[in-house]
Every structure is written in structure tokens, then in C-alpha cells.
Amino acid sequence: MRQFCCKLPTCCKLPPSPLIPPLIWSPQEIDWRPLGDFAEGDVVSTLDGLMTLQSLERRSTPNDVFNIEVDENHRYRILSTGVLVHNVDYSQLVRSIKGVLENYPKVLDPRTGRFLEFPSAIFTRVGRAANTPAILSPAERVAFLDEWVRRGIPLPPAPVQIHHIHPVEWGGDKGFANLIPLNVTVHQEFNSFWTVIRLNSNPFGKLI
């Protein structure tokens, strides 16, 4: 059981599964966020205005919980304080783009001999500006390609660009396993695919 306690004498208990609890409106981020993204000192929206979170703690004691689905905009308020929440879960993002997954470029990863798989662990779009540590510097690009060659993995035909399999703007990192060198034309296919995702599949943007 996960619980967040506020400065008011009221606590909101939410289930531990990341697929069940509602998303909570973050006035600071201007976005819906899961409970685990909040920290002490963050604020939430209530019927009486903004309320500061006093603490956030995880509890393992099992309790009966209930998930509801609200028609139309899926927003509702909980507790006597009226914390603004949303019943869209993480999995909705993947479900909402299921119709375009067949267009995910079919490219073999020479490290595994298998086609690259769509990174289904994506939760929400964070934006490149919020994830700048994952962006490769020129020196890091050179170092990555040197390591690729050092491991005896063949490079694609030039010109080559380095692709983040789990994109930076969706929270991907710059670890070796998440990077792959691609011919610039092939890389553009991935860029085009993610452009479609960005424009058509954000389930939160229309709710702001």
C-alpha cells in the first residue's frame, strides 16, 4: 500500500501497482503524474487551492482497493480535501499507440541478431529538455562508436547516426544497450515513427 500524507489531517491511500492508482495533477509540472513521482514539498491541487505534501511513504500492509473509471474527461477528486486525480494508467499510453506499432521500423540489432523491439516500458513523454543527461556529447558519440568497433560489432553503411532505442524525450538513457548506430536513412525512419507517436498518442495533453 502506498500512502501520501499532507499537511492537512487527511491521508490518501493508493494501491501499490503502477497500473492501478490514479495519476495526480502536478501544478508544478503542469502534468498528470503517478504518486511515486511526488516528493516531500511538492504541491497538489485541492478544492481549497494548492496543498503541500508533508511526506510520502511506502507501506507493504495489504488492503482492499478499488479502481474506478470516470466517463469523458476521467478526472475526479478524492478525500474531503478534493485532491485532483485522473484514472488514466501507465498502460493506456501503450494501448493508445497500439494501432501504429506495426509501423515500427524492422531493423536487426547485430548484437542480438533480432529485430529491435519497441520500448514498451515508456510511461510518459518527459521531453528532451528535461532529460539532457541522456543526450550524447560529440566526445561520447566517438567513444560509443569506438567501443562498438572494439567489441567487433559491424557498423552500418555510412553516413552513421547514433539512435536511442528508448528515445531521450521518453526517458531513455545513453547506456550502451540503449544505443545503436544506424545509417542516416534508417535513422530517419525511426524519427518519423516517433513523430507520429508524439503527435497522436499523448493521452495527457488534451486534459491540461
C-alpha atoms as a PDB file:
ATOM      1  CA  MET A   1       0.000   0.000   0.000  1.00  0.00           C
ATOM      2  CA  ARG A   2       1.381   3.431  -0.911  1.00  0.00           C
ATOM      3  CA  GLN A   3       0.253   6.405   1.062  1.00  0.00           C
ATOM      4  CA  PHE A   4       0.897  10.116   0.884  1.00  0.00           C
ATOM      5  CA  CYS A   5       0.216  12.324   3.864  1.00  0.00           C
ATOM      6  CA  CYS A   6      -0.460  16.037   3.584  1.00  0.00           C
ATOM      7  CA  LYS A   7      -0.258  18.954   5.981  1.00  0.00           C
ATOM      8  CA  LEU A   8      -3.996  18.659   6.456  1.00  0.00           C
ATOM      9  CA  PRO A   9      -5.117  15.893   8.860  1.00  0.00           C
ATOM     10  CA  THR A  10      -6.045  13.600   5.998  1.00  0.00           C
ATOM     11  CA  CYS A  11      -4.177  10.872   4.147  1.00  0.00           C
ATOM     12  CA  CYS A  12      -4.861   9.283   0.788  1.00  0.00           C
ATOM     13  CA  LYS A  13      -4.155   5.579   0.420  1.00  0.00           C
ATOM     14  CA  LEU A  14      -3.466   4.269  -3.057  1.00  0.00           C
ATOM     15  CA  PRO A  15      -2.649   0.726  -4.267  1.00  0.00           C
ATOM     16  CA  PRO A  16       0.975  -0.241  -4.946  1.00  0.00           C
ATOM     17  CA  SER A  17       0.575  -1.471  -8.524  1.00  0.00           C
ATOM     18  CA  PRO A  18       1.786   1.115 -11.108  1.00  0.00           C
ATOM     19  CA  LEU A  19      -1.098   0.060 -13.352  1.00  0.00           C
ATOM     20  CA  ILE A  20      -3.902   0.893 -10.943  1.00  0.00           C
ATOM     21  CA  PRO A  21      -3.518   4.137  -8.955  1.00  0.00           C
ATOM     22  CA  PRO A  22      -4.825   7.351 -10.424  1.00  0.00           C
ATOM     23  CA  LEU A  23      -2.484   9.992 -11.732  1.00  0.00           C
ATOM     24  CA  ILE A  24      -2.335  13.142  -9.640  1.00  0.00           C
ATOM     25  CA  TRP A  25      -2.320  16.654 -11.080  1.00  0.00           C
ATOM     26  CA  SER A  26       1.022  18.390 -10.517  1.00  0.00           C
ATOM     27  CA  PRO A  27       0.648  22.194 -10.698  1.00  0.00           C
ATOM     28  CA  GLN A  28       4.443  22.464 -10.714  1.00  0.00           C
ATOM     29  CA  GLU A  29       4.944  20.144 -13.704  1.00  0.00           C
ATOM     30  CA  ILE A  30       1.626  21.144 -15.318  1.00  0.00           C
ATOM     31  CA  ASP A  31       1.001  17.458 -15.996  1.00  0.00           C
ATOM     32  CA  TRP A  32      -0.560  14.326 -14.530  1.00  0.00           C
ATOM     33  CA  ARG A  33       1.997  12.332 -12.526  1.00  0.00           C
ATOM     34  CA  PRO A  34       1.940   8.960 -10.719  1.00  0.00           C
ATOM     35  CA  LEU A  35       2.158   9.088  -6.946  1.00  0.00           C
ATOM     36  CA  GLY A  36       5.730   7.792  -6.959  1.00  0.00           C
ATOM     37  CA  ASP A  37       6.895  10.887  -8.850  1.00  0.00           C
ATOM     38  CA  PHE A  38       5.941  13.168  -5.975  1.00  0.00           C
ATOM     39  CA  ALA A  39       8.239  14.104  -3.094  1.00  0.00           C
ATOM     40  CA  GLU A  40       8.009  15.977   0.176  1.00  0.00           C
ATOM     41  CA  GLY A  41       7.381  19.661  -0.504  1.00  0.00           C
ATOM     42  CA  ASP A  42       5.568  19.118  -3.814  1.00  0.00           C
ATOM     43  CA  VAL A  43       2.082  20.505  -4.139  1.00  0.00           C
ATOM     44  CA  VAL A  44      -1.216  19.057  -5.299  1.00  0.00           C
ATOM     45  CA  SER A  45      -4.443  20.717  -6.365  1.00  0.00           C
ATOM     46  CA  THR A  46      -7.382  20.580  -3.927  1.00  0.00           C
ATOM     47  CA  LEU A  47     -10.774  22.234  -3.598  1.00  0.00           C
ATOM     48  CA  ASP A  48      -9.144  24.783  -1.290  1.00  0.00           C
ATOM     49  CA  GLY A  49      -6.251  25.513  -3.649  1.00  0.00           C
ATOM     50  CA  LEU A  50      -2.704  24.145  -3.579  1.00  0.00           C
ATOM     51  CA  MET A  51      -1.680  21.842  -0.742  1.00  0.00           C
ATOM     52  CA  THR A  52       1.899  20.893   0.145  1.00  0.00           C
ATOM     53  CA  LEU A  53       2.790  17.243   0.664  1.00  0.00           C
ATOM     54  CA  GLN A  54       4.259  16.744   4.105  1.00  0.00           C
ATOM     55  CA  SER A  55       5.582  13.250   3.477  1.00  0.00           C
ATOM     56  CA  LEU A  56       5.456  10.317   1.077  1.00  0.00           C
ATOM     57  CA  GLU A  57       5.948   6.810   2.341  1.00  0.00           C
ATOM     58  CA  ARG A  58       5.515   3.281   1.051  1.00  0.00           C
ATOM     59  CA  ARG A  59       3.722   0.706   3.151  1.00  0.00           C
ATOM     60  CA  SER A  60       3.536  -3.013   2.456  1.00  0.00           C
ATOM     61  CA  THR A  61       0.427  -3.770   4.509  1.00  0.00           C
ATOM     62  CA  PRO A  62      -2.216  -5.246   2.132  1.00  0.00           C
ATOM     63  CA  ASN A  63      -5.588  -3.518   1.934  1.00  0.00           C
ATOM     64  CA  ASP A  64      -8.651  -3.803  -0.269  1.00  0.00           C
ATOM     65  CA  VAL A  65      -8.560  -1.170  -3.004  1.00  0.00           C
ATOM     66  CA  PHE A  66     -10.968  -0.149  -5.713  1.00  0.00           C
ATOM     67  CA  ASN A  67     -10.234   1.317  -9.131  1.00  0.00           C
ATOM     68  CA  ILE A  68     -12.941   3.310 -10.901  1.00  0.00           C
ATOM     69  CA  GLU A  69     -13.407   4.593 -14.413  1.00  0.00           C
ATOM     70  CA  VAL A  70     -14.857   8.049 -14.849  1.00  0.00           C
ATOM     71  CA  ASP A  71     -16.629   8.846 -18.102  1.00  0.00           C
ATOM     72  CA  GLU A  72     -15.496  11.569 -20.520  1.00  0.00           C
ATOM     73  CA  ASN A  73     -12.523  13.517 -19.125  1.00  0.00           C
ATOM     74  CA  HIS A  74     -11.622  10.846 -16.491  1.00  0.00           C
ATOM     75  CA  ARG A  75     -10.874  13.452 -13.823  1.00  0.00           C
ATOM     76  CA  TYR A  76     -12.267  13.339 -10.322  1.00  0.00           C
ATOM     77  CA  ARG A  77     -11.425  14.438  -6.766  1.00  0.00           C
ATOM     78  CA  ILE A  78     -10.667  12.292  -3.752  1.00  0.00           C
ATOM     79  CA  LEU A  79     -10.845  12.857   0.007  1.00  0.00           C
ATOM     80  CA  SER A  80     -12.637  15.642   1.802  1.00  0.00           C
ATOM     81  CA  THR A  81      -9.882  17.963   0.573  1.00  0.00           C
ATOM     82  CA  GLY A  82     -10.685  17.159  -3.054  1.00  0.00           C
ATOM     83  CA  VAL A  83      -7.251  16.192  -4.425  1.00  0.00           C
ATOM     84  CA  LEU A  84      -7.468  16.311  -8.225  1.00  0.00           C
ATOM     85  CA  VAL A  85      -6.656  12.942  -9.814  1.00  0.00           C
ATOM     86  CA  HIS A  86      -7.055  11.147 -13.119  1.00  0.00           C
ATOM     87  CA  ASN A  87      -7.785   7.469 -13.674  1.00  0.00           C
ATOM     88  CA  VAL A  88      -5.619   7.024 -16.796  1.00  0.00           C
ATOM     89  CA  ASP A  89      -2.923   4.454 -16.026  1.00  0.00           C
ATOM     90  CA  TYR A  90       0.525   3.847 -17.466  1.00  0.00           C
ATOM     91  CA  SER A  91      -0.655   1.101 -19.770  1.00  0.00           C
ATOM     92  CA  GLN A  92      -3.024   3.473 -21.588  1.00  0.00           C
ATOM     93  CA  LEU A  93      -0.039   5.067 -23.302  1.00  0.00           C
ATOM     94  CA  VAL A  94       0.955   1.770 -24.895  1.00  0.00           C
ATOM     95  CA  ARG A  95      -2.660   0.879 -25.671  1.00  0.00           C
ATOM     96  CA  SER A  96      -3.233   4.244 -27.322  1.00  0.00           C
ATOM     97  CA  ILE A  97      -0.414   3.688 -29.812  1.00  0.00           C
ATOM     98  CA  LYS A  98      -1.072   0.008 -30.479  1.00  0.00           C
ATOM     99  CA  GLY A  99      -2.547   0.836 -33.846  1.00  0.00           C
ATOM    100  CA  VAL A 100       0.726   2.294 -35.140  1.00  0.00           C
ATOM    101  CA  LEU A 101       3.150  -0.266 -33.689  1.00  0.00           C
ATOM    102  CA  GLU A 102       3.076  -2.242 -36.922  1.00  0.00           C
ATOM    103  CA  ASN A 103       4.933   0.695 -38.474  1.00  0.00           C
ATOM    104  CA  TYR A 104       7.860   0.395 -36.060  1.00  0.00           C
ATOM    105  CA  PRO A 105      10.946   0.022 -38.313  1.00  0.00           C
ATOM    106  CA  LYS A 106      12.181  -3.545 -38.672  1.00  0.00           C
ATOM    107  CA  VAL A 107      15.916  -3.275 -38.095  1.00  0.00           C
ATOM    108  CA  LEU A 108      18.213  -6.061 -36.929  1.00  0.00           C
ATOM    109  CA  ASP A 109      20.381  -5.446 -33.902  1.00  0.00           C
ATOM    110  CA  PRO A 110      23.747  -7.060 -34.746  1.00  0.00           C
ATOM    111  CA  ARG A 111      24.385  -7.582 -31.037  1.00  0.00           C
ATOM    112  CA  THR A 112      21.454  -9.973 -30.701  1.00  0.00           C
ATOM    113  CA  GLY A 113      20.605 -10.969 -34.258  1.00  0.00           C
ATOM    114  CA  ARG A 114      16.984  -9.988 -33.567  1.00  0.00           C
ATOM    115  CA  PHE A 115      14.829  -7.096 -34.684  1.00  0.00           C
ATOM    116  CA  LEU A 116      14.843  -4.068 -32.425  1.00  0.00           C
ATOM    117  CA  GLU A 117      11.787  -4.157 -30.194  1.00  0.00           C
ATOM    118  CA  PHE A 118       9.532  -1.243 -29.434  1.00  0.00           C
ATOM    119  CA  PRO A 119      10.470   0.042 -25.940  1.00  0.00           C
ATOM    120  CA  SER A 120       7.155  -0.787 -24.278  1.00  0.00           C
ATOM    121  CA  ALA A 121       8.464   0.420 -20.896  1.00  0.00           C
ATOM    122  CA  ILE A 122       7.775   4.019 -21.888  1.00  0.00           C
ATOM    123  CA  PHE A 123       5.414   5.706 -19.454  1.00  0.00           C
ATOM    124  CA  THR A 124       5.096   9.319 -20.435  1.00  0.00           C
ATOM    125  CA  ARG A 125       6.898  11.871 -22.539  1.00  0.00           C
ATOM    126  CA  VAL A 126       9.339  13.927 -20.480  1.00  0.00           C
ATOM    127  CA  GLY A 127      10.809  15.993 -23.315  1.00  0.00           C
ATOM    128  CA  ARG A 128      14.440  16.304 -24.354  1.00  0.00           C
ATOM    129  CA  ALA A 129      14.991  19.434 -22.265  1.00  0.00           C
ATOM    130  CA  ALA A 130      14.091  17.501 -19.109  1.00  0.00           C
ATOM    131  CA  ASN A 131      16.429  14.619 -19.960  1.00  0.00           C
ATOM    132  CA  THR A 132      19.561  16.355 -21.213  1.00  0.00           C
ATOM    133  CA  PRO A 133      21.904  13.949 -19.328  1.00  0.00           C
ATOM    134  CA  ALA A 134      20.857  11.254 -21.827  1.00  0.00           C
ATOM    135  CA  ILE A 135      21.932  13.301 -24.858  1.00  0.00           C
ATOM    136  CA  LEU A 136      25.322  12.261 -26.199  1.00  0.00           C
ATOM    137  CA  SER A 137      28.076  14.836 -26.467  1.00  0.00           C
ATOM    138  CA  PRO A 138      30.374  14.723 -29.532  1.00  0.00           C
ATOM    139  CA  ALA A 139      33.061  13.065 -27.425  1.00  0.00           C
ATOM    140  CA  GLU A 140      30.586  10.476 -26.140  1.00  0.00           C
ATOM    141  CA  ARG A 141      29.481   9.715 -29.685  1.00  0.00           C
ATOM    142  CA  VAL A 142      33.065   8.995 -30.685  1.00  0.00           C
ATOM    143  CA  ALA A 143      33.622   6.905 -27.556  1.00  0.00           C
ATOM    144  CA  PHE A 144      30.475   4.870 -28.235  1.00  0.00           C
ATOM    145  CA  LEU A 145      31.456   4.114 -31.831  1.00  0.00           C
ATOM    146  CA  ASP A 146      34.993   3.196 -30.712  1.00  0.00           C
ATOM    147  CA  GLU A 147      33.542   0.778 -28.151  1.00  0.00           C
ATOM    148  CA  TRP A 148      31.170  -0.641 -30.777  1.00  0.00           C
ATOM    149  CA  VAL A 149      34.077  -1.405 -33.079  1.00  0.00           C
ATOM    150  CA  ARG A 150      36.248  -2.643 -30.204  1.00  0.00           C
ATOM    151  CA  ARG A 151      33.612  -5.264 -29.448  1.00  0.00           C
ATOM    152  CA  GLY A 152      33.805  -6.475 -33.029  1.00  0.00           C
ATOM    153  CA  ILE A 153      30.291  -5.416 -33.974  1.00  0.00           C
ATOM    154  CA  PRO A 154      29.909  -4.353 -37.616  1.00  0.00           C
ATOM    155  CA  LEU A 155      28.978  -0.751 -38.366  1.00  0.00           C
ATOM    156  CA  PRO A 156      26.182   0.077 -40.813  1.00  0.00           C
ATOM    157  CA  PRO A 157      26.942   1.833 -44.118  1.00  0.00           C
ATOM    158  CA  ALA A 158      27.955   5.484 -43.764  1.00  0.00           C
ATOM    159  CA  PRO A 159      26.811   8.098 -43.011  1.00  0.00           C
ATOM    160  CA  VAL A 160      26.049   6.890 -39.492  1.00  0.00           C
ATOM    161  CA  GLN A 161      23.968   8.405 -36.702  1.00  0.00           C
ATOM    162  CA  ILE A 162      23.519   7.060 -33.179  1.00  0.00           C
ATOM    163  CA  HIS A 163      19.971   6.079 -32.289  1.00  0.00           C
ATOM    164  CA  HIS A 164      18.448   5.891 -28.793  1.00  0.00           C
ATOM    165  CA  ILE A 165      16.202   2.817 -28.889  1.00  0.00           C
ATOM    166  CA  HIS A 166      14.267   4.169 -25.902  1.00  0.00           C
ATOM    167  CA  PRO A 167      14.135   7.818 -27.003  1.00  0.00           C
ATOM    168  CA  VAL A 168      15.571  10.607 -24.880  1.00  0.00           C
ATOM    169  CA  GLU A 169      12.299  12.536 -24.840  1.00  0.00           C
ATOM    170  CA  TRP A 170      10.517   9.477 -23.444  1.00  0.00           C
ATOM    171  CA  GLY A 171      13.008   8.975 -20.625  1.00  0.00           C
ATOM    172  CA  GLY A 172      15.654   6.830 -22.342  1.00  0.00           C
ATOM    173  CA  ASP A 173      19.276   6.819 -21.205  1.00  0.00           C
ATOM    174  CA  LYS A 174      22.610   6.735 -23.009  1.00  0.00           C
ATOM    175  CA  GLY A 175      23.714   3.328 -21.823  1.00  0.00           C
ATOM    176  CA  PHE A 176      25.408   1.096 -24.388  1.00  0.00           C
ATOM    177  CA  ALA A 177      22.411  -1.256 -24.558  1.00  0.00           C
ATOM    178  CA  ASN A 178      20.062   1.610 -25.450  1.00  0.00           C
ATOM    179  CA  LEU A 179      22.210   2.911 -28.303  1.00  0.00           C
ATOM    180  CA  ILE A 180      22.764   1.613 -31.808  1.00  0.00           C
ATOM    181  CA  PRO A 181      24.494   3.140 -34.837  1.00  0.00           C
ATOM    182  CA  LEU A 182      22.227   3.386 -37.872  1.00  0.00           C
ATOM    183  CA  ASN A 183      22.568   4.585 -41.409  1.00  0.00           C
ATOM    184  CA  VAL A 184      21.106   8.088 -41.559  1.00  0.00           C
ATOM    185  CA  THR A 185      18.246   6.968 -43.830  1.00  0.00           C
ATOM    186  CA  VAL A 186      17.255   4.180 -41.451  1.00  0.00           C
ATOM    187  CA  HIS A 187      17.545   6.547 -38.514  1.00  0.00           C
ATOM    188  CA  GLN A 188      15.098   8.887 -40.224  1.00  0.00           C
ATOM    189  CA  GLU A 189      12.552   6.061 -40.328  1.00  0.00           C
ATOM    190  CA  PHE A 190      12.692   5.891 -36.531  1.00  0.00           C
ATOM    191  CA  ASN A 191      12.468   9.671 -36.243  1.00  0.00           C
ATOM    192  CA  SER A 192       9.369   9.658 -38.434  1.00  0.00           C
ATOM    193  CA  PHE A 193       7.796   6.878 -36.362  1.00  0.00           C
ATOM    194  CA  TRP A 194       8.329   8.749 -33.091  1.00  0.00           C
ATOM    195  CA  THR A 195       6.993  11.939 -34.638  1.00  0.00           C
ATOM    196  CA  VAL A 196       3.709  10.131 -35.252  1.00  0.00           C
ATOM    197  CA  ILE A 197       3.715   8.897 -31.649  1.00  0.00           C
ATOM    198  CA  ARG A 198       4.404  12.395 -30.353  1.00  0.00           C
ATOM    199  CA  LEU A 199       1.636  13.999 -32.368  1.00  0.00           C
ATOM    200  CA  ASN A 200      -1.069  11.406 -31.889  1.00  0.00           C
ATOM    201  CA  SER A 201      -0.587   9.392 -28.731  1.00  0.00           C
ATOM    202  CA  ASN A 202      -0.104  11.617 -25.697  1.00  0.00           C
ATOM    203  CA  PRO A 203      -3.151  10.752 -23.576  1.00  0.00           C
ATOM    204  CA  PHE A 204      -2.494  13.604 -21.142  1.00  0.00           C
ATOM    205  CA  GLY A 205      -2.069  16.667 -23.351  1.00  0.00           C
ATOM    206  CA  LYS A 206      -5.771  17.154 -24.041  1.00  0.00           C
ATOM    207  CA  LEU A 207      -6.527  17.020 -20.337  1.00  0.00           C
ATOM    208  CA  ILE A 208      -4.432  20.000 -19.287  1.00  0.00           C
END
